[in-house]
N, C-alpha and C. Protein backbone atom coordinates (compact mmCIF):
# COMPACT_ATOMS: atom_id res chain seq x y z
N MET A 1 -24.74 -25.67 -50.89
CA MET A 1 -24.86 -25.99 -49.49
C MET A 1 -24.60 -24.71 -48.69
N ASN A 2 -25.57 -24.27 -47.94
CA ASN A 2 -25.48 -23.01 -47.20
C ASN A 2 -25.51 -23.29 -45.70
N GLU A 3 -24.37 -23.66 -45.14
CA GLU A 3 -24.28 -23.91 -43.71
C GLU A 3 -23.74 -22.67 -43.02
N THR A 4 -24.38 -22.29 -41.93
CA THR A 4 -23.85 -21.17 -41.16
C THR A 4 -23.07 -21.71 -39.97
N LEU A 5 -21.95 -21.09 -39.73
CA LEU A 5 -21.11 -21.52 -38.62
C LEU A 5 -21.68 -21.00 -37.31
N PRO A 6 -21.54 -21.75 -36.23
CA PRO A 6 -22.07 -21.27 -34.95
C PRO A 6 -21.33 -20.01 -34.50
N GLN A 7 -22.08 -19.11 -33.90
CA GLN A 7 -21.54 -17.83 -33.45
C GLN A 7 -21.12 -17.95 -31.99
N PRO A 8 -19.83 -17.72 -31.66
CA PRO A 8 -19.42 -17.75 -30.24
C PRO A 8 -20.02 -16.57 -29.48
N SER A 9 -20.04 -16.69 -28.18
CA SER A 9 -20.65 -15.67 -27.33
C SER A 9 -19.68 -14.52 -27.06
N VAL A 10 -20.12 -13.31 -27.42
CA VAL A 10 -19.36 -12.10 -27.12
C VAL A 10 -19.25 -11.94 -25.61
N THR A 11 -20.34 -12.23 -24.91
CA THR A 11 -20.39 -12.03 -23.46
C THR A 11 -19.39 -12.93 -22.73
N SER A 12 -19.31 -14.20 -23.12
CA SER A 12 -18.41 -15.11 -22.40
C SER A 12 -16.95 -14.69 -22.55
N VAL A 13 -16.58 -14.27 -23.74
CA VAL A 13 -15.20 -13.81 -23.97
C VAL A 13 -14.94 -12.53 -23.17
N ALA A 14 -15.90 -11.60 -23.22
CA ALA A 14 -15.73 -10.33 -22.51
C ALA A 14 -15.68 -10.53 -21.00
N LEU A 15 -16.50 -11.43 -20.47
CA LEU A 15 -16.48 -11.69 -19.02
C LEU A 15 -15.13 -12.27 -18.60
N LYS A 16 -14.66 -13.25 -19.36
CA LYS A 16 -13.37 -13.88 -19.03
C LYS A 16 -12.25 -12.84 -19.01
N TYR A 17 -12.14 -12.06 -20.07
CA TYR A 17 -11.05 -11.09 -20.15
C TYR A 17 -11.30 -9.87 -19.26
N GLY A 18 -12.55 -9.59 -18.97
CA GLY A 18 -12.86 -8.52 -18.03
C GLY A 18 -12.34 -8.84 -16.64
N PHE A 19 -12.57 -10.09 -16.20
CA PHE A 19 -12.08 -10.50 -14.88
C PHE A 19 -10.56 -10.57 -14.83
N ILE A 20 -9.96 -11.09 -15.90
CA ILE A 20 -8.49 -11.17 -15.94
C ILE A 20 -7.88 -9.77 -15.92
N THR A 21 -8.43 -8.87 -16.74
CA THR A 21 -7.92 -7.50 -16.80
C THR A 21 -8.12 -6.79 -15.48
N ALA A 22 -9.27 -7.00 -14.85
CA ALA A 22 -9.55 -6.37 -13.55
C ALA A 22 -8.57 -6.89 -12.50
N LEU A 23 -8.27 -8.17 -12.52
CA LEU A 23 -7.33 -8.74 -11.55
C LEU A 23 -5.95 -8.11 -11.71
N VAL A 24 -5.48 -7.99 -12.94
CA VAL A 24 -4.18 -7.36 -13.19
C VAL A 24 -4.23 -5.90 -12.76
N GLY A 25 -5.33 -5.21 -13.08
CA GLY A 25 -5.47 -3.81 -12.69
C GLY A 25 -5.50 -3.61 -11.20
N VAL A 26 -6.17 -4.51 -10.48
CA VAL A 26 -6.24 -4.41 -9.03
C VAL A 26 -4.86 -4.63 -8.41
N VAL A 27 -4.12 -5.60 -8.91
CA VAL A 27 -2.76 -5.84 -8.39
C VAL A 27 -1.88 -4.61 -8.65
N TYR A 28 -1.99 -4.03 -9.84
CA TYR A 28 -1.21 -2.82 -10.16
C TYR A 28 -1.61 -1.66 -9.25
N THR A 29 -2.91 -1.48 -9.05
CA THR A 29 -3.40 -0.41 -8.17
C THR A 29 -2.92 -0.63 -6.74
N LEU A 30 -2.95 -1.87 -6.28
CA LEU A 30 -2.48 -2.19 -4.94
C LEU A 30 -1.02 -1.80 -4.77
N ILE A 31 -0.21 -2.11 -5.77
CA ILE A 31 1.22 -1.76 -5.70
C ILE A 31 1.38 -0.24 -5.61
N ILE A 32 0.64 0.49 -6.42
CA ILE A 32 0.72 1.96 -6.41
C ILE A 32 0.28 2.51 -5.05
N MET A 33 -0.80 1.96 -4.51
CA MET A 33 -1.33 2.48 -3.24
C MET A 33 -0.41 2.15 -2.07
N VAL A 34 0.13 0.94 -2.06
CA VAL A 34 1.04 0.55 -0.98
C VAL A 34 2.32 1.37 -1.03
N ALA A 35 2.78 1.68 -2.24
CA ALA A 35 3.99 2.49 -2.41
C ALA A 35 3.70 3.98 -2.20
N ASN A 36 2.45 4.31 -1.93
CA ASN A 36 2.01 5.70 -1.70
C ASN A 36 2.30 6.60 -2.90
N LEU A 37 2.05 6.05 -4.10
CA LEU A 37 2.26 6.79 -5.33
C LEU A 37 0.95 7.10 -6.04
N GLY A 38 -0.16 7.06 -5.32
CA GLY A 38 -1.48 7.28 -5.90
C GLY A 38 -1.67 8.65 -6.50
N ASP A 39 -0.88 9.63 -6.08
CA ASP A 39 -1.01 10.98 -6.63
C ASP A 39 -0.19 11.17 -7.91
N ASN A 40 0.59 10.19 -8.29
CA ASN A 40 1.39 10.27 -9.51
C ASN A 40 0.50 9.95 -10.70
N ARG A 41 0.12 10.97 -11.43
CA ARG A 41 -0.82 10.80 -12.55
C ARG A 41 -0.26 9.92 -13.66
N TRP A 42 1.04 9.98 -13.88
CA TRP A 42 1.65 9.18 -14.92
C TRP A 42 1.54 7.69 -14.60
N LEU A 43 1.87 7.31 -13.36
CA LEU A 43 1.77 5.91 -12.96
C LEU A 43 0.31 5.45 -12.92
N SER A 44 -0.57 6.31 -12.45
CA SER A 44 -1.99 5.96 -12.42
C SER A 44 -2.54 5.80 -13.83
N GLY A 45 -2.06 6.61 -14.75
CA GLY A 45 -2.50 6.53 -16.13
C GLY A 45 -2.08 5.24 -16.83
N LEU A 46 -1.04 4.62 -16.33
CA LEU A 46 -0.59 3.36 -16.92
C LEU A 46 -1.64 2.25 -16.78
N SER A 47 -2.57 2.41 -15.84
CA SER A 47 -3.62 1.40 -15.70
C SER A 47 -4.47 1.33 -16.96
N TYR A 48 -4.52 2.42 -17.73
CA TYR A 48 -5.26 2.37 -18.99
C TYR A 48 -4.57 1.49 -20.02
N LEU A 49 -3.25 1.35 -19.91
CA LEU A 49 -2.55 0.40 -20.78
C LEU A 49 -2.97 -1.02 -20.47
N ILE A 50 -3.21 -1.29 -19.20
CA ILE A 50 -3.71 -2.62 -18.81
C ILE A 50 -5.09 -2.84 -19.43
N LEU A 51 -5.94 -1.82 -19.38
CA LEU A 51 -7.28 -1.92 -19.97
C LEU A 51 -7.19 -2.13 -21.48
N ILE A 52 -6.33 -1.37 -22.15
CA ILE A 52 -6.17 -1.52 -23.60
C ILE A 52 -5.70 -2.94 -23.94
N ALA A 53 -4.73 -3.44 -23.19
CA ALA A 53 -4.22 -4.80 -23.43
C ALA A 53 -5.33 -5.83 -23.23
N GLY A 54 -6.14 -5.65 -22.19
CA GLY A 54 -7.24 -6.58 -21.95
C GLY A 54 -8.26 -6.58 -23.07
N ILE A 55 -8.59 -5.39 -23.57
CA ILE A 55 -9.56 -5.29 -24.66
C ILE A 55 -9.00 -5.94 -25.93
N VAL A 56 -7.75 -5.64 -26.25
CA VAL A 56 -7.13 -6.21 -27.45
C VAL A 56 -7.06 -7.73 -27.35
N LEU A 57 -6.66 -8.26 -26.20
CA LEU A 57 -6.58 -9.71 -26.04
C LEU A 57 -7.96 -10.36 -26.15
N ALA A 58 -8.98 -9.71 -25.60
CA ALA A 58 -10.34 -10.25 -25.69
C ALA A 58 -10.80 -10.27 -27.14
N MET A 59 -10.53 -9.21 -27.88
CA MET A 59 -10.93 -9.16 -29.29
C MET A 59 -10.18 -10.22 -30.11
N LYS A 60 -8.89 -10.38 -29.82
CA LYS A 60 -8.11 -11.41 -30.53
C LYS A 60 -8.67 -12.80 -30.23
N GLN A 61 -9.01 -13.05 -28.97
CA GLN A 61 -9.57 -14.35 -28.59
C GLN A 61 -10.89 -14.59 -29.31
N TYR A 62 -11.73 -13.56 -29.35
CA TYR A 62 -13.02 -13.71 -30.02
C TYR A 62 -12.82 -14.02 -31.51
N LYS A 63 -11.90 -13.32 -32.14
CA LYS A 63 -11.64 -13.58 -33.55
C LYS A 63 -11.11 -15.01 -33.76
N THR A 64 -10.31 -15.47 -32.83
CA THR A 64 -9.76 -16.82 -32.94
C THR A 64 -10.87 -17.87 -32.90
N ILE A 65 -11.80 -17.74 -31.96
CA ILE A 65 -12.86 -18.75 -31.83
C ILE A 65 -13.99 -18.51 -32.83
N ASN A 66 -13.97 -17.37 -33.52
CA ASN A 66 -15.00 -17.07 -34.52
C ASN A 66 -14.41 -17.15 -35.93
N TYR A 67 -13.45 -18.03 -36.12
CA TYR A 67 -12.89 -18.32 -37.43
C TYR A 67 -12.26 -17.09 -38.10
N GLY A 68 -11.71 -16.17 -37.28
CA GLY A 68 -11.01 -15.01 -37.80
C GLY A 68 -11.91 -13.80 -38.04
N TYR A 69 -13.18 -13.91 -37.69
CA TYR A 69 -14.11 -12.81 -37.96
C TYR A 69 -14.57 -12.12 -36.68
N MET A 70 -14.72 -10.81 -36.78
CA MET A 70 -15.32 -10.02 -35.70
C MET A 70 -15.86 -8.75 -36.34
N SER A 71 -17.15 -8.49 -36.14
CA SER A 71 -17.73 -7.27 -36.69
C SER A 71 -17.36 -6.09 -35.79
N TYR A 72 -17.59 -4.91 -36.31
CA TYR A 72 -17.32 -3.70 -35.54
C TYR A 72 -18.16 -3.68 -34.26
N GLY A 73 -19.43 -4.03 -34.38
CA GLY A 73 -20.33 -4.04 -33.23
C GLY A 73 -19.93 -5.07 -32.18
N GLN A 74 -19.49 -6.23 -32.62
CA GLN A 74 -19.02 -7.24 -31.68
C GLN A 74 -17.80 -6.75 -30.92
N GLY A 75 -16.87 -6.13 -31.62
CA GLY A 75 -15.68 -5.59 -30.97
C GLY A 75 -16.03 -4.50 -29.97
N LEU A 76 -16.96 -3.65 -30.36
CA LEU A 76 -17.40 -2.57 -29.47
C LEU A 76 -18.05 -3.15 -28.22
N GLY A 77 -18.85 -4.17 -28.38
CA GLY A 77 -19.49 -4.82 -27.23
C GLY A 77 -18.48 -5.48 -26.31
N ILE A 78 -17.53 -6.18 -26.90
CA ILE A 78 -16.49 -6.84 -26.10
C ILE A 78 -15.70 -5.81 -25.30
N GLY A 79 -15.24 -4.77 -25.97
CA GLY A 79 -14.43 -3.75 -25.30
C GLY A 79 -15.18 -3.03 -24.20
N THR A 80 -16.44 -2.71 -24.44
CA THR A 80 -17.23 -2.00 -23.44
C THR A 80 -17.49 -2.88 -22.24
N LEU A 81 -17.81 -4.15 -22.46
CA LEU A 81 -18.07 -5.05 -21.34
C LEU A 81 -16.81 -5.33 -20.53
N VAL A 82 -15.68 -5.51 -21.21
CA VAL A 82 -14.40 -5.68 -20.50
C VAL A 82 -14.14 -4.46 -19.62
N SER A 83 -14.38 -3.28 -20.17
CA SER A 83 -14.16 -2.03 -19.43
C SER A 83 -15.10 -1.91 -18.23
N ALA A 84 -16.35 -2.32 -18.39
CA ALA A 84 -17.31 -2.24 -17.30
C ALA A 84 -16.89 -3.13 -16.13
N ILE A 85 -16.47 -4.34 -16.43
CA ILE A 85 -16.02 -5.26 -15.37
C ILE A 85 -14.76 -4.71 -14.71
N PHE A 86 -13.84 -4.22 -15.51
CA PHE A 86 -12.61 -3.61 -15.01
C PHE A 86 -12.93 -2.46 -14.06
N GLY A 87 -13.81 -1.57 -14.48
CA GLY A 87 -14.17 -0.41 -13.65
C GLY A 87 -14.90 -0.78 -12.39
N LEU A 88 -15.84 -1.71 -12.49
CA LEU A 88 -16.61 -2.13 -11.32
C LEU A 88 -15.71 -2.77 -10.27
N LEU A 89 -14.90 -3.72 -10.69
CA LEU A 89 -14.04 -4.41 -9.72
C LEU A 89 -12.94 -3.49 -9.19
N SER A 90 -12.44 -2.60 -10.01
CA SER A 90 -11.43 -1.64 -9.54
C SER A 90 -12.04 -0.69 -8.51
N GLY A 91 -13.26 -0.21 -8.78
CA GLY A 91 -13.94 0.67 -7.84
C GLY A 91 -14.20 -0.01 -6.51
N ILE A 92 -14.64 -1.26 -6.56
CA ILE A 92 -14.88 -2.03 -5.33
C ILE A 92 -13.57 -2.20 -4.56
N PHE A 93 -12.49 -2.52 -5.28
CA PHE A 93 -11.20 -2.69 -4.62
C PHE A 93 -10.75 -1.41 -3.92
N VAL A 94 -10.82 -0.29 -4.63
CA VAL A 94 -10.36 0.97 -4.04
C VAL A 94 -11.19 1.29 -2.80
N TRP A 95 -12.50 1.08 -2.86
CA TRP A 95 -13.35 1.34 -1.70
C TRP A 95 -12.95 0.42 -0.53
N LEU A 96 -12.78 -0.87 -0.79
CA LEU A 96 -12.40 -1.80 0.28
C LEU A 96 -11.04 -1.43 0.87
N TYR A 97 -10.09 -1.12 -0.01
CA TYR A 97 -8.75 -0.79 0.46
C TYR A 97 -8.76 0.46 1.33
N THR A 98 -9.43 1.51 0.87
CA THR A 98 -9.42 2.78 1.60
C THR A 98 -10.33 2.75 2.82
N SER A 99 -11.27 1.83 2.86
CA SER A 99 -12.19 1.76 4.00
C SER A 99 -11.70 0.82 5.10
N PHE A 100 -10.98 -0.23 4.73
CA PHE A 100 -10.64 -1.25 5.72
C PHE A 100 -9.15 -1.53 5.88
N VAL A 101 -8.35 -1.32 4.85
CA VAL A 101 -6.93 -1.65 4.92
C VAL A 101 -6.11 -0.43 5.31
N ASP A 102 -6.21 0.63 4.53
CA ASP A 102 -5.46 1.86 4.78
C ASP A 102 -6.45 3.01 4.90
N THR A 103 -7.00 3.17 6.09
CA THR A 103 -8.07 4.15 6.30
C THR A 103 -7.58 5.59 6.20
N GLU A 104 -6.28 5.81 6.26
CA GLU A 104 -5.73 7.16 6.15
C GLU A 104 -5.33 7.53 4.73
N TYR A 105 -5.48 6.61 3.81
CA TYR A 105 -5.05 6.84 2.43
C TYR A 105 -5.72 8.06 1.81
N MET A 106 -7.04 8.14 1.93
CA MET A 106 -7.76 9.26 1.31
C MET A 106 -7.38 10.60 1.94
N SER A 107 -7.16 10.62 3.25
CA SER A 107 -6.78 11.89 3.89
C SER A 107 -5.39 12.33 3.42
N ARG A 108 -4.48 11.37 3.21
CA ARG A 108 -3.16 11.71 2.67
C ARG A 108 -3.27 12.26 1.25
N MET A 109 -4.11 11.66 0.45
CA MET A 109 -4.28 12.14 -0.93
C MET A 109 -4.94 13.52 -0.93
N MET A 110 -5.88 13.74 -0.02
CA MET A 110 -6.54 15.05 0.07
C MET A 110 -5.53 16.12 0.47
N GLU A 111 -4.64 15.78 1.40
CA GLU A 111 -3.61 16.73 1.83
C GLU A 111 -2.67 17.08 0.68
N LYS A 112 -2.25 16.06 -0.09
CA LYS A 112 -1.39 16.32 -1.25
C LYS A 112 -2.11 17.18 -2.28
N GLN A 113 -3.39 16.90 -2.49
CA GLN A 113 -4.17 17.68 -3.45
C GLN A 113 -4.31 19.13 -2.99
N SER A 114 -4.53 19.30 -1.70
CA SER A 114 -4.65 20.64 -1.14
C SER A 114 -3.36 21.43 -1.34
N GLU A 115 -2.22 20.80 -1.07
CA GLU A 115 -0.93 21.46 -1.27
C GLU A 115 -0.71 21.81 -2.74
N ALA A 116 -1.12 20.92 -3.63
CA ALA A 116 -0.95 21.18 -5.06
C ALA A 116 -1.80 22.37 -5.50
N LEU A 117 -3.01 22.48 -4.98
CA LEU A 117 -3.88 23.61 -5.32
C LEU A 117 -3.30 24.92 -4.79
N LEU A 118 -2.75 24.89 -3.58
CA LEU A 118 -2.13 26.09 -3.03
C LEU A 118 -0.90 26.50 -3.85
N ASP A 119 -0.14 25.50 -4.31
CA ASP A 119 1.03 25.79 -5.14
C ASP A 119 0.64 26.40 -6.48
N GLN A 120 -0.58 26.10 -6.95
CA GLN A 120 -1.06 26.65 -8.21
C GLN A 120 -1.55 28.09 -8.05
N GLY A 121 -1.57 28.58 -6.81
CA GLY A 121 -1.96 29.96 -6.58
C GLY A 121 -3.39 30.17 -6.15
N MET A 122 -4.10 29.10 -5.79
CA MET A 122 -5.47 29.26 -5.32
C MET A 122 -5.47 29.79 -3.89
N SER A 123 -6.50 30.53 -3.55
CA SER A 123 -6.60 31.06 -2.19
C SER A 123 -7.03 29.95 -1.23
N ASP A 124 -6.85 30.20 0.08
CA ASP A 124 -7.24 29.20 1.08
C ASP A 124 -8.73 28.90 0.97
N GLU A 125 -9.54 29.91 0.70
CA GLU A 125 -10.99 29.72 0.60
C GLU A 125 -11.34 28.85 -0.61
N GLN A 126 -10.68 29.07 -1.75
CA GLN A 126 -10.92 28.27 -2.93
C GLN A 126 -10.51 26.81 -2.71
N VAL A 127 -9.40 26.62 -2.02
CA VAL A 127 -8.93 25.27 -1.73
C VAL A 127 -9.92 24.56 -0.81
N GLU A 128 -10.43 25.26 0.20
CA GLU A 128 -11.42 24.67 1.10
C GLU A 128 -12.67 24.25 0.34
N GLN A 129 -13.13 25.09 -0.58
CA GLN A 129 -14.31 24.76 -1.37
C GLN A 129 -14.05 23.53 -2.24
N ALA A 130 -12.87 23.47 -2.86
CA ALA A 130 -12.52 22.32 -3.70
C ALA A 130 -12.44 21.04 -2.88
N MET A 131 -11.86 21.13 -1.69
CA MET A 131 -11.75 19.95 -0.83
C MET A 131 -13.12 19.50 -0.32
N ALA A 132 -14.01 20.45 -0.05
CA ALA A 132 -15.36 20.10 0.39
C ALA A 132 -16.11 19.36 -0.71
N MET A 133 -15.93 19.81 -1.96
CA MET A 133 -16.56 19.12 -3.08
C MET A 133 -15.98 17.72 -3.26
N THR A 134 -14.69 17.60 -3.10
CA THR A 134 -14.03 16.31 -3.26
C THR A 134 -14.50 15.31 -2.22
N GLU A 135 -14.72 15.77 -0.99
CA GLU A 135 -15.17 14.87 0.07
C GLU A 135 -16.52 14.26 -0.24
N ASN A 136 -17.35 14.94 -1.03
CA ASN A 136 -18.66 14.39 -1.40
C ASN A 136 -18.54 13.13 -2.25
N PHE A 137 -17.40 12.95 -2.89
CA PHE A 137 -17.21 11.81 -3.78
C PHE A 137 -16.34 10.72 -3.17
N GLN A 138 -16.29 10.65 -1.85
CA GLN A 138 -15.45 9.64 -1.20
C GLN A 138 -16.25 8.51 -0.57
N GLY A 139 -17.55 8.51 -0.72
CA GLY A 139 -18.37 7.43 -0.17
C GLY A 139 -18.23 6.17 -1.00
N PRO A 140 -18.68 5.05 -0.46
CA PRO A 140 -18.53 3.78 -1.18
C PRO A 140 -19.26 3.77 -2.52
N LEU A 141 -20.47 4.27 -2.54
CA LEU A 141 -21.24 4.27 -3.79
C LEU A 141 -20.58 5.17 -4.83
N ALA A 142 -20.10 6.32 -4.41
CA ALA A 142 -19.44 7.25 -5.34
C ALA A 142 -18.15 6.64 -5.89
N MET A 143 -17.40 5.93 -5.06
CA MET A 143 -16.15 5.31 -5.53
C MET A 143 -16.44 4.21 -6.54
N ILE A 144 -17.41 3.37 -6.22
CA ILE A 144 -17.71 2.24 -7.10
C ILE A 144 -18.32 2.73 -8.41
N LEU A 145 -19.31 3.61 -8.31
CA LEU A 145 -19.94 4.12 -9.53
C LEU A 145 -18.98 4.99 -10.34
N GLY A 146 -18.14 5.74 -9.64
CA GLY A 146 -17.14 6.55 -10.33
C GLY A 146 -16.17 5.70 -11.12
N GLY A 147 -15.72 4.61 -10.51
CA GLY A 147 -14.82 3.68 -11.21
C GLY A 147 -15.51 3.03 -12.39
N LEU A 148 -16.76 2.65 -12.20
CA LEU A 148 -17.52 1.98 -13.26
C LEU A 148 -17.77 2.93 -14.43
N VAL A 149 -18.33 4.09 -14.14
CA VAL A 149 -18.67 5.04 -15.21
C VAL A 149 -17.42 5.54 -15.93
N GLY A 150 -16.38 5.86 -15.18
CA GLY A 150 -15.14 6.33 -15.80
C GLY A 150 -14.55 5.28 -16.73
N ALA A 151 -14.51 4.04 -16.28
CA ALA A 151 -13.93 2.97 -17.10
C ALA A 151 -14.79 2.67 -18.32
N VAL A 152 -16.11 2.72 -18.16
CA VAL A 152 -16.99 2.45 -19.31
C VAL A 152 -16.84 3.54 -20.37
N VAL A 153 -16.79 4.79 -19.95
CA VAL A 153 -16.64 5.88 -20.92
C VAL A 153 -15.30 5.76 -21.65
N ILE A 154 -14.23 5.62 -20.89
CA ILE A 154 -12.90 5.50 -21.51
C ILE A 154 -12.82 4.22 -22.35
N GLY A 155 -13.33 3.12 -21.82
CA GLY A 155 -13.31 1.85 -22.54
C GLY A 155 -14.12 1.88 -23.82
N PHE A 156 -15.26 2.56 -23.77
CA PHE A 156 -16.09 2.69 -24.98
C PHE A 156 -15.33 3.46 -26.05
N LEU A 157 -14.71 4.56 -25.66
CA LEU A 157 -13.94 5.36 -26.62
C LEU A 157 -12.76 4.57 -27.18
N LEU A 158 -12.07 3.86 -26.32
CA LEU A 158 -10.96 3.01 -26.79
C LEU A 158 -11.48 1.93 -27.72
N SER A 159 -12.62 1.35 -27.39
CA SER A 159 -13.20 0.27 -28.19
C SER A 159 -13.65 0.75 -29.56
N LEU A 160 -14.08 2.00 -29.65
CA LEU A 160 -14.43 2.55 -30.96
C LEU A 160 -13.23 2.47 -31.90
N ILE A 161 -12.07 2.82 -31.37
CA ILE A 161 -10.85 2.82 -32.17
C ILE A 161 -10.34 1.40 -32.40
N LEU A 162 -10.25 0.62 -31.32
CA LEU A 162 -9.70 -0.73 -31.43
C LEU A 162 -10.57 -1.63 -32.31
N SER A 163 -11.89 -1.48 -32.22
CA SER A 163 -12.80 -2.28 -33.05
C SER A 163 -12.62 -1.95 -34.53
N ALA A 164 -12.43 -0.67 -34.83
CA ALA A 164 -12.22 -0.27 -36.22
C ALA A 164 -10.93 -0.87 -36.77
N ILE A 165 -9.92 -0.96 -35.93
CA ILE A 165 -8.63 -1.51 -36.36
C ILE A 165 -8.70 -3.03 -36.51
N MET A 166 -9.37 -3.70 -35.57
CA MET A 166 -9.31 -5.16 -35.51
C MET A 166 -10.46 -5.88 -36.20
N LYS A 167 -11.46 -5.16 -36.65
CA LYS A 167 -12.63 -5.84 -37.24
C LYS A 167 -12.25 -6.59 -38.50
N ASN A 168 -12.98 -7.66 -38.74
CA ASN A 168 -12.85 -8.45 -39.95
C ASN A 168 -14.22 -9.06 -40.20
N ASN A 169 -15.03 -8.38 -40.99
CA ASN A 169 -16.39 -8.83 -41.23
C ASN A 169 -16.42 -10.12 -42.03
N ARG A 170 -17.38 -10.95 -41.69
CA ARG A 170 -17.62 -12.18 -42.42
C ARG A 170 -18.17 -11.80 -43.81
N PRO A 171 -17.68 -12.42 -44.87
CA PRO A 171 -18.18 -12.09 -46.20
C PRO A 171 -19.69 -12.37 -46.30
N GLU A 172 -20.40 -11.53 -47.05
CA GLU A 172 -21.85 -11.66 -47.19
C GLU A 172 -22.23 -12.97 -47.86
N PHE A 173 -21.54 -13.31 -48.92
CA PHE A 173 -21.87 -14.52 -49.69
C PHE A 173 -20.71 -15.49 -49.62
N GLU A 174 -20.87 -16.51 -48.81
CA GLU A 174 -19.80 -17.48 -48.65
C GLU A 174 -20.19 -18.78 -49.27
């Protein structure tokens, strides 16, 4: 008797955990921005722990509903899609927050960045050039796409590793 078990949807699991992870990430980002700690790279980097946790939980959920099995490709797809949703919603949130809630946030961050560059020994002219380039990436499309692309790249790389660790292929002959 050769019955094949139904295959659960990678997309549905990834969408569910993508939205949950994005919600947690947005709340964390909101706390950092309200506390005016957006320039703290260590605290900002902790948002990647949220992304890792979301990817791992999504993969665990998929394995649970798929009778303990998840291929490497399925894990990679889940992790990448979770990351894409996380990045898209995070980018939209940052744009909305900086455009409508705290309109001075970006100028404060630019000022802190300018001071940091001067402290590193850059000339006033070099700092002005760097700030001019940075201003080009402050539009709504740049913020949203930047968040999306950055999260997908990082999420894909994380998923390569996490999928290799968590995969459990279905036996060929059952």
